[in-house]
Amino acid sequence: MSGCIRQCDWDDNQVCRSCGINYAPPKPLRPFHLAFPVDDLDAAKKFYTEVLGCTTGREKQESCVFKFYGHQIVAHLVPKMPELSTSPVDGKQVPAMHFGLVMDWDDWHQLKAKFEADDVEFVIGPYTRYEDQPGSQATMFIRDPCGNHLEFKSFKDDSAIFDSEW
């Protein structure tokens, strides 16, 4: 295809008939879904609602759905939690299996202050990883009562989130 030089002739789907560029706005991000094990559903429910401020959705004897910052996470009751391991990152042993959020800078600092005020125990306390380097990020890790690790992080420059240069 050739010849449009931004004098596009769009089809009904906002795709240029000459150059093939799609000018349609991106679709809004849909919530992700994550299922994770817990060996004490009541303790997990208390943690995710009281510590993290999640609301609950469907609840069954063996599972509970939480609204986690607009996303769907589901705690599934298991008889035994899996064994977890760590991996070295920036001089710290980071839980290899974890989930969490990339937050706005100010929101991350507000959550950090809330965790500190509520005496939430940190697995890895709040700090800036890769200080003064590309990919610099504020991060902190906590653990739910069943042993699942959660990371909350923030980048001063969001363009570094998927940057391959660091």
C-alpha atoms as a PDB file:
ATOM      1  CA  MET A   1       0.000   0.000   0.000  1.00  0.00           C
ATOM      2  CA  SER A   2       1.298   3.436  -0.737  1.00  0.00           C
ATOM      3  CA  GLY A   3       0.580   7.043  -1.244  1.00  0.00           C
ATOM      4  CA  CYS A   4      -1.533   8.331   1.623  1.00  0.00           C
ATOM      5  CA  ILE A   5       0.941  10.765   3.310  1.00  0.00           C
ATOM      6  CA  ARG A   6      -1.669  11.370   6.037  1.00  0.00           C
ATOM      7  CA  GLN A   7      -4.424  12.358   3.593  1.00  0.00           C
ATOM      8  CA  CYS A   8      -6.235   9.261   4.668  1.00  0.00           C
ATOM      9  CA  ASP A   9      -9.411   7.851   3.266  1.00  0.00           C
ATOM     10  CA  TRP A  10     -10.883   5.882   6.160  1.00  0.00           C
ATOM     11  CA  ASP A  11     -13.134   2.893   5.870  1.00  0.00           C
ATOM     12  CA  ASP A  12     -15.985   2.270   8.337  1.00  0.00           C
ATOM     13  CA  ASN A  13     -13.488   0.884  10.882  1.00  0.00           C
ATOM     14  CA  GLN A  14     -11.238   3.989  10.783  1.00  0.00           C
ATOM     15  CA  VAL A  15      -8.530   2.171   8.788  1.00  0.00           C
ATOM     16  CA  CYS A  16      -6.918   4.134   5.939  1.00  0.00           C
ATOM     17  CA  ARG A  17      -7.713   2.505   2.613  1.00  0.00           C
ATOM     18  CA  SER A  18      -4.329   3.653   1.207  1.00  0.00           C
ATOM     19  CA  CYS A  19      -1.752   3.024   3.918  1.00  0.00           C
ATOM     20  CA  GLY A  20      -3.576   0.576   6.188  1.00  0.00           C
ATOM     21  CA  ILE A  21      -2.992   2.590   9.365  1.00  0.00           C
ATOM     22  CA  ASN A  22      -5.658   1.946  11.969  1.00  0.00           C
ATOM     23  CA  TYR A  23      -6.820   5.281  13.403  1.00  0.00           C
ATOM     24  CA  ALA A  24      -9.466   3.813  15.696  1.00  0.00           C
ATOM     25  CA  PRO A  25      -8.948   4.708  19.354  1.00  0.00           C
ATOM     26  CA  PRO A  26      -7.596   1.817  21.416  1.00  0.00           C
ATOM     27  CA  LYS A  27     -10.124  -0.276  23.265  1.00  0.00           C
ATOM     28  CA  PRO A  28     -10.270   0.423  26.979  1.00  0.00           C
ATOM     29  CA  LEU A  29      -8.269  -2.017  29.070  1.00  0.00           C
ATOM     30  CA  ARG A  30     -10.439  -4.819  30.400  1.00  0.00           C
ATOM     31  CA  PRO A  31      -9.977  -6.121  33.935  1.00  0.00           C
ATOM     32  CA  PHE A  32      -7.546  -8.983  34.326  1.00  0.00           C
ATOM     33  CA  HIS A  33      -8.459 -12.180  36.182  1.00  0.00           C
ATOM     34  CA  LEU A  34      -6.138 -13.933  38.597  1.00  0.00           C
ATOM     35  CA  ALA A  35      -6.860 -17.040  40.672  1.00  0.00           C
ATOM     36  CA  PHE A  36      -4.616 -17.854  43.625  1.00  0.00           C
ATOM     37  CA  PRO A  37      -4.548 -20.452  46.415  1.00  0.00           C
ATOM     38  CA  VAL A  38      -5.366 -19.859  50.071  1.00  0.00           C
ATOM     39  CA  ASP A  39      -5.472 -22.333  52.938  1.00  0.00           C
ATOM     40  CA  ASP A  40      -7.676 -20.126  55.143  1.00  0.00           C
ATOM     41  CA  LEU A  41     -10.474 -18.438  53.223  1.00  0.00           C
ATOM     42  CA  ASP A  42     -11.749 -16.447  56.213  1.00  0.00           C
ATOM     43  CA  ALA A  43      -8.302 -14.985  56.951  1.00  0.00           C
ATOM     44  CA  ALA A  44      -7.807 -14.201  53.263  1.00  0.00           C
ATOM     45  CA  LYS A  45     -11.193 -12.479  53.064  1.00  0.00           C
ATOM     46  CA  LYS A  46     -10.369 -10.351  56.108  1.00  0.00           C
ATOM     47  CA  PHE A  47      -6.956  -9.373  54.682  1.00  0.00           C
ATOM     48  CA  TYR A  48      -8.152  -8.486  51.185  1.00  0.00           C
ATOM     49  CA  THR A  49     -11.142  -6.484  52.432  1.00  0.00           C
ATOM     50  CA  GLU A  50      -9.694  -4.813  55.540  1.00  0.00           C
ATOM     51  CA  VAL A  51      -6.021  -4.335  54.627  1.00  0.00           C
ATOM     52  CA  LEU A  52      -6.304  -3.826  50.860  1.00  0.00           C
ATOM     53  CA  GLY A  53      -9.828  -2.366  50.731  1.00  0.00           C
ATOM     54  CA  CYS A  54     -11.160  -4.884  48.213  1.00  0.00           C
ATOM     55  CA  THR A  55     -14.858  -5.553  47.919  1.00  0.00           C
ATOM     56  CA  THR A  56     -16.169  -9.072  47.556  1.00  0.00           C
ATOM     57  CA  GLY A  57     -18.126 -10.536  44.691  1.00  0.00           C
ATOM     58  CA  ARG A  58     -19.366 -14.107  44.514  1.00  0.00           C
ATOM     59  CA  GLU A  59     -18.579 -16.178  47.553  1.00  0.00           C
ATOM     60  CA  LYS A  60     -18.704 -19.941  47.824  1.00  0.00           C
ATOM     61  CA  GLN A  61     -17.514 -22.359  50.451  1.00  0.00           C
ATOM     62  CA  GLU A  62     -14.348 -22.984  48.416  1.00  0.00           C
ATOM     63  CA  SER A  63     -13.687 -19.557  46.864  1.00  0.00           C
ATOM     64  CA  CYS A  64     -14.186 -15.807  47.058  1.00  0.00           C
ATOM     65  CA  VAL A  65     -14.034 -13.188  44.296  1.00  0.00           C
ATOM     66  CA  PHE A  66     -12.477  -9.813  45.124  1.00  0.00           C
ATOM     67  CA  LYS A  67     -12.499  -6.516  43.241  1.00  0.00           C
ATOM     68  CA  PHE A  68      -8.801  -5.624  43.376  1.00  0.00           C
ATOM     69  CA  TYR A  69      -8.350  -2.075  42.067  1.00  0.00           C
ATOM     70  CA  GLY A  70     -10.884  -2.759  39.315  1.00  0.00           C
ATOM     71  CA  HIS A  71      -9.592  -6.248  38.534  1.00  0.00           C
ATOM     72  CA  GLN A  72     -10.982  -9.662  39.429  1.00  0.00           C
ATOM     73  CA  ILE A  73      -8.932 -11.861  41.708  1.00  0.00           C
ATOM     74  CA  VAL A  74     -10.259 -15.114  43.130  1.00  0.00           C
ATOM     75  CA  ALA A  75      -9.046 -16.877  46.258  1.00  0.00           C
ATOM     76  CA  HIS A  76      -9.446 -20.649  45.961  1.00  0.00           C
ATOM     77  CA  LEU A  77      -9.320 -22.771  49.105  1.00  0.00           C
ATOM     78  CA  VAL A  78      -6.644 -25.479  48.947  1.00  0.00           C
ATOM     79  CA  PRO A  79      -5.635 -28.055  51.575  1.00  0.00           C
ATOM     80  CA  LYS A  80      -1.958 -27.032  51.435  1.00  0.00           C
ATOM     81  CA  MET A  81      -0.191 -23.955  50.113  1.00  0.00           C
ATOM     82  CA  PRO A  82       2.486 -24.486  47.455  1.00  0.00           C
ATOM     83  CA  GLU A  83       6.112 -24.055  48.400  1.00  0.00           C
ATOM     84  CA  LEU A  84       7.435 -20.673  47.299  1.00  0.00           C
ATOM     85  CA  SER A  85      10.920 -19.667  46.246  1.00  0.00           C
ATOM     86  CA  THR A  86      12.787 -16.402  45.806  1.00  0.00           C
ATOM     87  CA  SER A  87      14.992 -14.902  43.142  1.00  0.00           C
ATOM     88  CA  PRO A  88      17.673 -12.201  43.491  1.00  0.00           C
ATOM     89  CA  VAL A  89      16.643  -8.789  42.152  1.00  0.00           C
ATOM     90  CA  ASP A  90      18.628  -5.623  42.857  1.00  0.00           C
ATOM     91  CA  GLY A  91      20.366  -7.265  45.830  1.00  0.00           C
ATOM     92  CA  LYS A  92      17.161  -8.502  47.479  1.00  0.00           C
ATOM     93  CA  GLN A  93      15.513 -11.940  47.534  1.00  0.00           C
ATOM     94  CA  VAL A  94      12.220 -11.276  45.752  1.00  0.00           C
ATOM     95  CA  PRO A  95       9.382 -13.806  45.973  1.00  0.00           C
ATOM     96  CA  ALA A  96       9.445 -15.461  42.538  1.00  0.00           C
ATOM     97  CA  MET A  97       5.669 -15.991  42.572  1.00  0.00           C
ATOM     98  CA  HIS A  98       3.798 -12.789  43.314  1.00  0.00           C
ATOM     99  CA  PHE A  99       1.176 -10.485  41.881  1.00  0.00           C
ATOM    100  CA  GLY A 100       0.356  -6.845  42.347  1.00  0.00           C
ATOM    101  CA  LEU A 101      -0.108  -3.486  40.727  1.00  0.00           C
ATOM    102  CA  VAL A 102       1.780  -0.777  38.923  1.00  0.00           C
ATOM    103  CA  MET A 103       0.357   2.362  40.511  1.00  0.00           C
ATOM    104  CA  ASP A 104       0.526   6.104  39.961  1.00  0.00           C
ATOM    105  CA  TRP A 105       3.421   7.661  41.885  1.00  0.00           C
ATOM    106  CA  ASP A 106       1.220   9.581  44.335  1.00  0.00           C
ATOM    107  CA  ASP A 107      -1.136   6.615  44.861  1.00  0.00           C
ATOM    108  CA  TRP A 108       1.822   4.354  45.655  1.00  0.00           C
ATOM    109  CA  HIS A 109       3.051   6.772  48.317  1.00  0.00           C
ATOM    110  CA  GLN A 110      -0.439   7.029  49.821  1.00  0.00           C
ATOM    111  CA  LEU A 111      -0.683   3.222  49.992  1.00  0.00           C
ATOM    112  CA  LYS A 112       2.797   3.044  51.554  1.00  0.00           C
ATOM    113  CA  ALA A 113       1.709   5.532  54.227  1.00  0.00           C
ATOM    114  CA  LYS A 114      -1.485   3.521  54.856  1.00  0.00           C
ATOM    115  CA  PHE A 115       0.458   0.269  55.225  1.00  0.00           C
ATOM    116  CA  GLU A 116       2.881   1.949  57.640  1.00  0.00           C
ATOM    117  CA  ALA A 117       0.052   3.520  59.675  1.00  0.00           C
ATOM    118  CA  ASP A 118      -1.747   0.155  59.827  1.00  0.00           C
ATOM    119  CA  ASP A 119       1.470  -1.673  60.830  1.00  0.00           C
ATOM    120  CA  VAL A 120       1.298  -3.958  57.803  1.00  0.00           C
ATOM    121  CA  GLU A 121       4.366  -6.206  57.812  1.00  0.00           C
ATOM    122  CA  PHE A 122       6.566  -5.791  54.756  1.00  0.00           C
ATOM    123  CA  VAL A 123       8.349  -8.724  53.141  1.00  0.00           C
ATOM    124  CA  ILE A 124      10.500  -6.166  51.334  1.00  0.00           C
ATOM    125  CA  GLY A 125      10.038  -2.688  52.714  1.00  0.00           C
ATOM    126  CA  PRO A 126       9.362   0.335  50.537  1.00  0.00           C
ATOM    127  CA  TYR A 127      12.388   1.516  48.579  1.00  0.00           C
ATOM    128  CA  THR A 128      13.401   2.749  45.146  1.00  0.00           C
ATOM    129  CA  ARG A 129      14.836  -0.032  42.992  1.00  0.00           C
ATOM    130  CA  TYR A 130      17.422   0.904  40.340  1.00  0.00           C
ATOM    131  CA  GLU A 131      17.779   4.410  41.795  1.00  0.00           C
ATOM    132  CA  ASP A 132      18.919   6.980  39.193  1.00  0.00           C
ATOM    133  CA  GLN A 133      18.866   4.373  36.412  1.00  0.00           C
ATOM    134  CA  PRO A 134      16.464   3.699  33.565  1.00  0.00           C
ATOM    135  CA  GLY A 135      13.569   1.710  34.986  1.00  0.00           C
ATOM    136  CA  SER A 136      13.842   3.300  38.428  1.00  0.00           C
ATOM    137  CA  GLN A 137      10.795   2.255  40.432  1.00  0.00           C
ATOM    138  CA  ALA A 138       9.362   2.489  43.915  1.00  0.00           C
ATOM    139  CA  THR A 139       8.412  -0.953  45.194  1.00  0.00           C
ATOM    140  CA  MET A 140       7.207  -2.787  48.286  1.00  0.00           C
ATOM    141  CA  PHE A 141       6.147  -6.366  48.997  1.00  0.00           C
ATOM    142  CA  ILE A 142       3.641  -7.654  51.523  1.00  0.00           C
ATOM    143  CA  ARG A 143       2.258 -11.119  52.238  1.00  0.00           C
ATOM    144  CA  ASP A 144      -1.323 -12.213  52.799  1.00  0.00           C
ATOM    145  CA  PRO A 145      -2.048 -14.502  55.794  1.00  0.00           C
ATOM    146  CA  CYS A 146      -1.820 -17.581  53.542  1.00  0.00           C
ATOM    147  CA  GLY A 147       1.652 -16.721  52.264  1.00  0.00           C
ATOM    148  CA  ASN A 148       0.828 -15.164  48.875  1.00  0.00           C
ATOM    149  CA  HIS A 149       3.124 -12.253  48.054  1.00  0.00           C
ATOM    150  CA  LEU A 150       1.912  -8.976  46.584  1.00  0.00           C
ATOM    151  CA  GLU A 151       4.069  -6.275  45.043  1.00  0.00           C
ATOM    152  CA  PHE A 152       3.015  -2.676  44.651  1.00  0.00           C
ATOM    153  CA  LYS A 153       5.261  -0.594  42.423  1.00  0.00           C
ATOM    154  CA  SER A 154       5.364   2.754  40.696  1.00  0.00           C
ATOM    155  CA  PHE A 155       7.535   4.322  38.030  1.00  0.00           C
ATOM    156  CA  LYS A 156       8.262   8.036  38.004  1.00  0.00           C
ATOM    157  CA  ASP A 157       8.312   7.696  34.222  1.00  0.00           C
ATOM    158  CA  ASP A 158       5.618   5.323  32.953  1.00  0.00           C
ATOM    159  CA  SER A 159       7.447   4.946  29.645  1.00  0.00           C
ATOM    160  CA  ALA A 160       9.905   2.731  31.554  1.00  0.00           C
ATOM    161  CA  ILE A 161       7.237   0.137  32.404  1.00  0.00           C
ATOM    162  CA  PHE A 162       7.833  -1.833  29.205  1.00  0.00           C
ATOM    163  CA  ASP A 163      11.224  -0.348  28.271  1.00  0.00           C
ATOM    164  CA  SER A 164      13.641  -3.026  27.053  1.00  0.00           C
ATOM    165  CA  GLU A 165      16.738  -0.871  27.562  1.00  0.00           C
ATOM    166  CA  TRP A 166      17.222  -1.434  31.279  1.00  0.00           C
END
